[in-house]
Structure formats: structure tokens, C-alpha cells
Amino acid sequence: MGETILDLFQYKLYNLHAMFVRTKTFKNKNGTTRTYLYIVDGRRVNGKVRQRIIANLGRLEKLQEGDLDRIIEGLMKYSKRKWIEVDEQSDEAKG
């Protein structure tokens, strides 16, 4: 075997395999919640959909503080599509 999660992730992205981002929310004992962001591979096994977590990106709240943008920017380098960065100020001016 010898494959790392990064190897699997890069292979799947290169081959345009069905992957998506999923959130999962957990409830703490005190009633608060925490939400995690995952990259998931979905496939059919014996006629049933099975999801395999490829990567746990971490807590959504923490990622939204700036790490998520850094991850997305890093992935954009490998995309065959051209992505346009939208400036928040220009969005507000349009609205």
C-alpha cells in the first residue's frame, strides 16, 4: 500500500474522481456545537453509497479565520479551470 492521504487526494483530484466537501457537526456536553470540514470520496459499494474521508481539514470556525482561504489558494494552483478572486469591497459596491 504505502500511500499517504496526500497521495490519494492528489490522485483523485487528477483523475476527476467524485469528491466533495462535507461538514459534520458534533454536540458538546454543555450544549454548544463544533463543526468540522472534511474532503470526502463517495462511491457505490454493492449498490449502496459509501463515503470515505480523505482529509479532515479541521474545525470550520478556525478555518474561517483565514486558513481556509490559504488551503483554497493552494489548491487553485493545480486546477485546470481559471478561478477569479472576488474582492469583498467590489461585492458590497454592487449590492
Protein backbone atom coordinates (compact mmCIF):
# COMPACT_ATOMS: atom_id res chain seq x y z
CA MET A 1 0.00 0.00 0.00
CA GLY A 2 2.34 2.80 1.22
CA GLU A 3 0.11 5.66 0.03
CA THR A 4 -0.28 8.77 2.11
CA ILE A 5 -3.52 10.74 2.35
CA LEU A 6 -1.93 13.45 0.21
CA ASP A 7 -1.04 10.88 -2.50
CA LEU A 8 -4.62 9.60 -2.56
CA PHE A 9 -6.00 13.14 -2.60
CA GLN A 10 -3.77 14.25 -5.48
CA TYR A 11 -4.54 11.07 -7.47
CA LYS A 12 -8.27 11.50 -7.04
CA LEU A 13 -8.19 15.19 -7.99
CA TYR A 14 -6.08 14.48 -11.06
CA ASN A 15 -8.47 11.79 -12.26
CA LEU A 16 -11.55 13.95 -11.50
CA HIS A 17 -12.96 11.33 -9.18
CA ALA A 18 -16.22 12.16 -7.39
CA MET A 19 -15.03 14.05 -4.34
CA PHE A 20 -16.75 16.73 -2.32
CA VAL A 21 -16.55 18.78 0.85
CA ARG A 22 -18.73 17.79 3.80
CA THR A 23 -19.33 19.28 7.21
CA LYS A 24 -20.17 17.32 10.31
CA THR A 25 -21.46 18.93 13.48
CA PHE A 26 -20.96 17.46 16.94
CA LYS A 27 -22.75 18.48 20.12
CA ASN A 28 -20.72 19.10 23.27
CA LYS A 29 -21.94 18.09 26.72
CA ASN A 30 -22.65 21.74 27.57
CA GLY A 31 -24.97 22.10 24.53
CA THR A 32 -22.58 24.03 22.28
CA THR A 33 -21.61 22.63 18.91
CA ARG A 34 -18.43 22.25 16.89
CA THR A 35 -18.34 21.72 13.13
CA TYR A 36 -15.57 20.01 11.17
CA LEU A 37 -14.81 20.27 7.45
CA TYR A 38 -13.90 17.10 5.52
CA ILE A 39 -12.90 16.18 1.98
CA VAL A 40 -14.86 13.03 1.19
CA ASP A 41 -14.76 10.42 -1.58
CA GLY A 42 -18.17 9.00 -2.45
CA ARG A 43 -18.55 5.67 -4.23
CA ARG A 44 -21.01 2.84 -4.61
CA VAL A 45 -20.25 -0.48 -2.95
CA ASN A 46 -22.73 -3.31 -3.53
CA GLY A 47 -25.35 -0.79 -4.67
CA LYS A 48 -25.01 1.43 -1.59
CA VAL A 49 -23.28 4.80 -1.39
CA ARG A 50 -20.24 4.74 0.87
CA GLN A 51 -18.26 7.79 1.90
CA ARG A 52 -14.60 7.66 2.77
CA ILE A 53 -12.96 10.60 4.49
CA ILE A 54 -9.87 11.59 2.52
CA ALA A 55 -8.88 14.53 4.74
CA ASN A 56 -10.11 16.20 7.90
CA LEU A 57 -9.41 19.90 7.32
CA GLY A 58 -10.24 20.83 10.90
CA ARG A 59 -12.77 22.93 12.77
CA LEU A 60 -14.79 25.16 10.47
CA GLU A 61 -14.73 28.11 12.89
CA LYS A 62 -10.92 28.06 12.96
CA LEU A 63 -10.63 27.58 9.18
CA GLN A 64 -12.87 30.59 8.56
CA GLU A 65 -10.33 32.77 10.39
CA GLY A 66 -8.07 32.56 7.31
CA ASP A 67 -6.70 29.03 6.97
CA LEU A 68 -9.49 28.01 4.58
CA ASP A 69 -8.56 30.74 2.12
CA ARG A 70 -4.93 29.62 2.24
CA ILE A 71 -5.94 25.99 1.51
CA ILE A 72 -8.16 27.06 -1.39
CA GLU A 73 -5.42 29.26 -2.85
CA GLY A 74 -3.01 26.33 -2.65
CA LEU A 75 -5.44 24.00 -4.44
CA MET A 76 -6.18 26.57 -7.16
CA LYS A 77 -2.62 26.16 -8.46
CA TYR A 78 -3.48 22.61 -9.54
CA SER A 79 -6.88 23.34 -11.04
CA LYS A 80 -7.35 23.23 -14.81
CA ARG A 81 -10.01 25.95 -14.50
CA LYS A 82 -9.22 29.60 -14.06
CA TRP A 83 -10.63 30.95 -10.81
CA ILE A 84 -11.34 34.61 -10.21
CA GLU A 85 -10.71 36.09 -6.78
CA VAL A 86 -13.61 38.31 -5.78
CA ASP A 87 -12.84 41.39 -3.75
CA GLU A 88 -15.33 41.86 -0.88
CA GLN A 89 -15.37 45.62 -1.38
CA SER A 90 -16.43 45.33 -5.03
CA ASP A 91 -19.22 42.92 -4.00
CA GLU A 92 -20.51 45.42 -1.43
CA ALA A 93 -20.43 48.23 -4.00
CA LYS A 94 -22.62 46.18 -6.36
CA GLY A 95 -25.12 45.25 -3.64
